[in-house]
Amino acid sequence: MAASDGPFNKEELLGQLNAPAREAGRAEALALATDVVKSLQSHGLNVILAAPTPVFITPADRCNKWFNKINPICSYGFKQPIGYEEQLRAPVMKSYKALATATGITLWDPFPYLCNDGKYCYSRKDGRYLFVDQHHLTANGNLLLVKSFLTELETIW
C-alpha cells in the first residue's frame, strides 16, 4: 500500500531506499548534478543546495480536517522520530555532501531548525502547521527558516 493511502512498513521503505538499484541511480544523478553545478559556477554563480526537509507519513492537508481523522493514514499523527527522519534522508545527504565536496557549493540544512527538540520532527507545532502536506513547507515553516537562510547568504556574500 502506498504511503499516501494508508499505513505502510517503515523498514520496507528504508530497505527500498538503500537498495543497490537506488544507489546506482543516485550515483548517476550525482554525476549529472556535478556537471550542472560546474557549468553554473563557470558563469560566476554561487550555488546553494538546500538539504532535505522531513517527510511525514501523515499528510497535514488531509488530516487536519475533522472528517478525515478516521483515515488510517492520519493515525501516525503530526510528528516523526528524528532518528527515522535521519535514516530516511541519509542516502540523499550522502549524495549532497559528495556534491558539495566535489564542487565547493554551499549545503544549507534546514533540518536542525525543523527538528529541534532532540526527539521528533513536527509537521504541526504550537497549533500551527509547518507543512502543507507530507513534505512541502507552509508559510509558518518557511518563517522558521528565514533567519538561518539569510545568515547562510551573508556568509557567501
Protein backbone atom coordinates (compact mmCIF):
# COMPACT_ATOMS: atom_id res chain seq x y z
CA MET A 1 0.00 0.00 0.00
CA ALA A 2 1.37 3.44 -0.91
CA ALA A 3 2.25 5.86 1.86
CA SER A 4 -0.47 8.28 0.79
CA ASP A 5 -3.19 5.63 1.05
CA GLY A 6 -2.69 4.18 4.49
CA PRO A 7 -0.25 2.51 6.86
CA PHE A 8 2.94 1.07 5.47
CA ASN A 9 6.08 -0.62 6.70
CA LYS A 10 8.81 1.90 7.55
CA GLU A 11 11.57 -0.71 7.45
CA GLU A 12 10.47 -1.82 4.00
CA LEU A 13 10.64 1.77 2.78
CA LEU A 14 14.15 2.22 4.19
CA GLY A 15 15.20 -1.04 2.56
CA GLN A 16 13.91 0.15 -0.80
CA LEU A 17 15.74 3.47 -0.45
CA ASN A 18 19.01 1.68 0.24
CA ALA A 19 18.66 -0.97 -2.49
CA PRO A 20 21.61 -1.30 -4.91
CA ALA A 21 19.49 -0.12 -7.86
CA ARG A 22 18.60 3.06 -6.00
CA GLU A 23 22.26 3.61 -5.09
CA ALA A 24 23.21 3.30 -8.76
CA GLY A 25 20.54 5.84 -9.68
CA ARG A 26 21.85 8.27 -7.07
CA ALA A 27 25.41 7.86 -8.39
CA GLU A 28 24.21 8.70 -11.89
CA ALA A 29 22.27 11.70 -10.61
CA LEU A 30 25.34 12.87 -8.68
CA ALA A 31 27.47 12.79 -11.83
CA LEU A 32 24.86 14.81 -13.74
CA ALA A 33 24.44 17.27 -10.86
CA THR A 34 28.18 17.78 -10.67
CA ASP A 35 28.27 18.74 -14.34
CA VAL A 36 25.34 21.13 -13.94
CA VAL A 37 26.83 22.81 -10.87
CA LYS A 38 30.23 23.23 -12.52
CA SER A 39 28.53 24.77 -15.52
CA LEU A 40 26.72 27.27 -13.29
CA GLN A 41 29.92 28.05 -11.44
CA SER A 42 31.74 28.65 -14.72
CA HIS A 43 29.37 31.60 -15.21
CA GLY A 44 30.35 33.04 -11.84
CA LEU A 45 27.31 31.83 -9.91
CA ASN A 46 27.32 30.73 -6.29
CA VAL A 47 25.21 27.63 -5.75
CA ILE A 48 23.32 26.88 -2.55
CA LEU A 49 21.74 23.47 -2.17
CA ALA A 50 19.03 23.05 0.45
CA ALA A 51 19.24 19.71 2.24
CA PRO A 52 16.06 17.64 2.52
CA THR A 53 13.39 18.60 4.99
CA PRO A 54 11.50 15.91 6.91
CA VAL A 55 8.97 13.74 5.10
CA PHE A 56 5.93 12.88 7.18
CA ILE A 57 3.65 9.90 6.91
CA THR A 58 0.59 11.94 7.80
CA PRO A 59 -0.42 14.43 5.12
CA ALA A 60 -1.36 17.53 7.11
CA ASP A 61 -3.66 18.86 4.40
CA ARG A 62 -5.78 15.69 4.57
CA CYS A 63 -5.62 15.01 8.28
CA ASN A 64 -6.24 18.46 9.72
CA LYS A 65 -9.96 18.23 8.93
CA TRP A 66 -12.23 16.57 11.49
CA PHE A 67 -13.92 14.36 8.88
CA ASN A 68 -10.61 12.83 7.77
CA LYS A 69 -9.26 11.95 11.20
CA ILE A 70 -10.55 8.37 10.88
CA ASN A 71 -8.47 7.84 7.72
CA PRO A 72 -5.77 5.24 8.57
CA ILE A 73 -3.00 7.47 7.17
CA CYS A 74 -3.87 10.04 9.86
CA SER A 75 -3.19 7.59 12.70
CA TYR A 76 0.54 8.43 12.65
CA GLY A 77 -0.09 11.95 13.92
CA PHE A 78 1.92 15.05 13.19
CA LYS A 79 5.35 14.00 14.40
CA GLN A 80 8.04 11.51 13.43
CA PRO A 81 11.08 10.39 15.44
CA ILE A 82 14.21 12.29 14.41
CA GLY A 83 16.13 9.03 14.06
CA TYR A 84 13.72 7.74 11.44
CA GLU A 85 13.80 11.04 9.54
CA GLU A 86 17.61 10.97 9.58
CA GLN A 87 17.59 7.43 8.16
CA LEU A 88 15.10 8.47 5.51
CA ARG A 89 17.25 11.33 4.28
CA ALA A 90 20.65 9.64 4.75
CA PRO A 91 21.05 8.43 1.13
CA VAL A 92 20.26 11.89 -0.24
CA MET A 93 22.53 13.59 2.30
CA LYS A 94 25.38 11.29 1.26
CA SER A 95 24.96 12.45 -2.34
CA TYR A 96 24.55 16.11 -1.38
CA LYS A 97 27.70 16.04 0.75
CA ALA A 98 29.61 14.40 -2.11
CA LEU A 99 28.34 17.11 -4.47
CA ALA A 100 29.40 19.84 -2.03
CA THR A 101 32.85 18.26 -1.68
CA ALA A 102 33.30 17.86 -5.43
CA THR A 103 32.15 21.37 -6.36
CA GLY A 104 32.52 23.62 -3.32
CA ILE A 105 28.84 24.56 -3.28
CA THR A 106 27.15 25.62 -0.07
CA LEU A 107 24.97 22.96 1.53
CA TRP A 108 22.35 24.63 3.73
CA ASP A 109 20.49 22.30 6.07
CA PRO A 110 17.08 23.38 7.40
CA PHE A 111 16.61 20.07 9.24
CA PRO A 112 18.02 21.19 12.63
CA TYR A 113 15.59 24.12 12.69
CA LEU A 114 12.57 21.95 11.86
CA CYS A 115 13.53 19.10 14.19
CA ASN A 116 14.98 20.95 17.14
CA ASP A 117 13.77 19.22 20.30
CA GLY A 118 16.13 16.24 20.06
CA LYS A 119 13.33 13.69 19.75
CA TYR A 120 10.87 14.50 16.98
CA CYS A 121 10.24 16.36 13.77
CA TYR A 122 6.82 18.03 13.78
CA SER A 123 4.54 18.93 10.92
CA ARG A 124 2.34 20.84 13.37
CA LYS A 125 3.84 22.79 16.24
CA ASP A 126 2.32 25.27 18.68
CA GLY A 127 -1.02 24.99 16.88
CA ARG A 128 0.46 25.94 13.52
CA TYR A 129 1.11 23.70 10.56
CA LEU A 130 4.71 23.77 9.34
CA PHE A 131 3.96 21.55 6.35
CA VAL A 132 1.13 21.75 3.86
CA ASP A 133 1.23 18.06 3.09
CA GLN A 134 3.87 15.42 3.79
CA HIS A 135 6.92 17.47 2.79
CA HIS A 136 6.09 20.96 1.47
CA LEU A 137 6.57 23.81 3.92
CA THR A 138 3.82 26.26 4.80
CA ALA A 139 4.47 29.96 5.31
CA ASN A 140 4.87 29.16 9.03
CA GLY A 141 7.50 26.54 8.22
CA ASN A 142 9.34 28.97 5.98
CA LEU A 143 9.26 31.65 8.67
CA LEU A 144 11.19 29.29 10.96
CA LEU A 145 13.95 29.10 8.35
CA VAL A 146 14.29 32.68 7.11
CA LYS A 147 16.89 33.82 9.65
CA SER A 148 19.04 30.73 9.12
CA PHE A 149 18.91 31.07 5.35
CA LEU A 150 19.74 34.79 5.43
CA THR A 151 22.69 34.04 7.72
CA GLU A 152 23.88 31.47 5.20
CA LEU A 153 23.61 34.04 2.40
CA GLU A 154 25.63 36.53 4.43
CA THR A 155 28.48 34.02 4.75
CA ILE A 156 28.61 33.69 0.96
CA TRP A 157 28.45 37.37 0.14
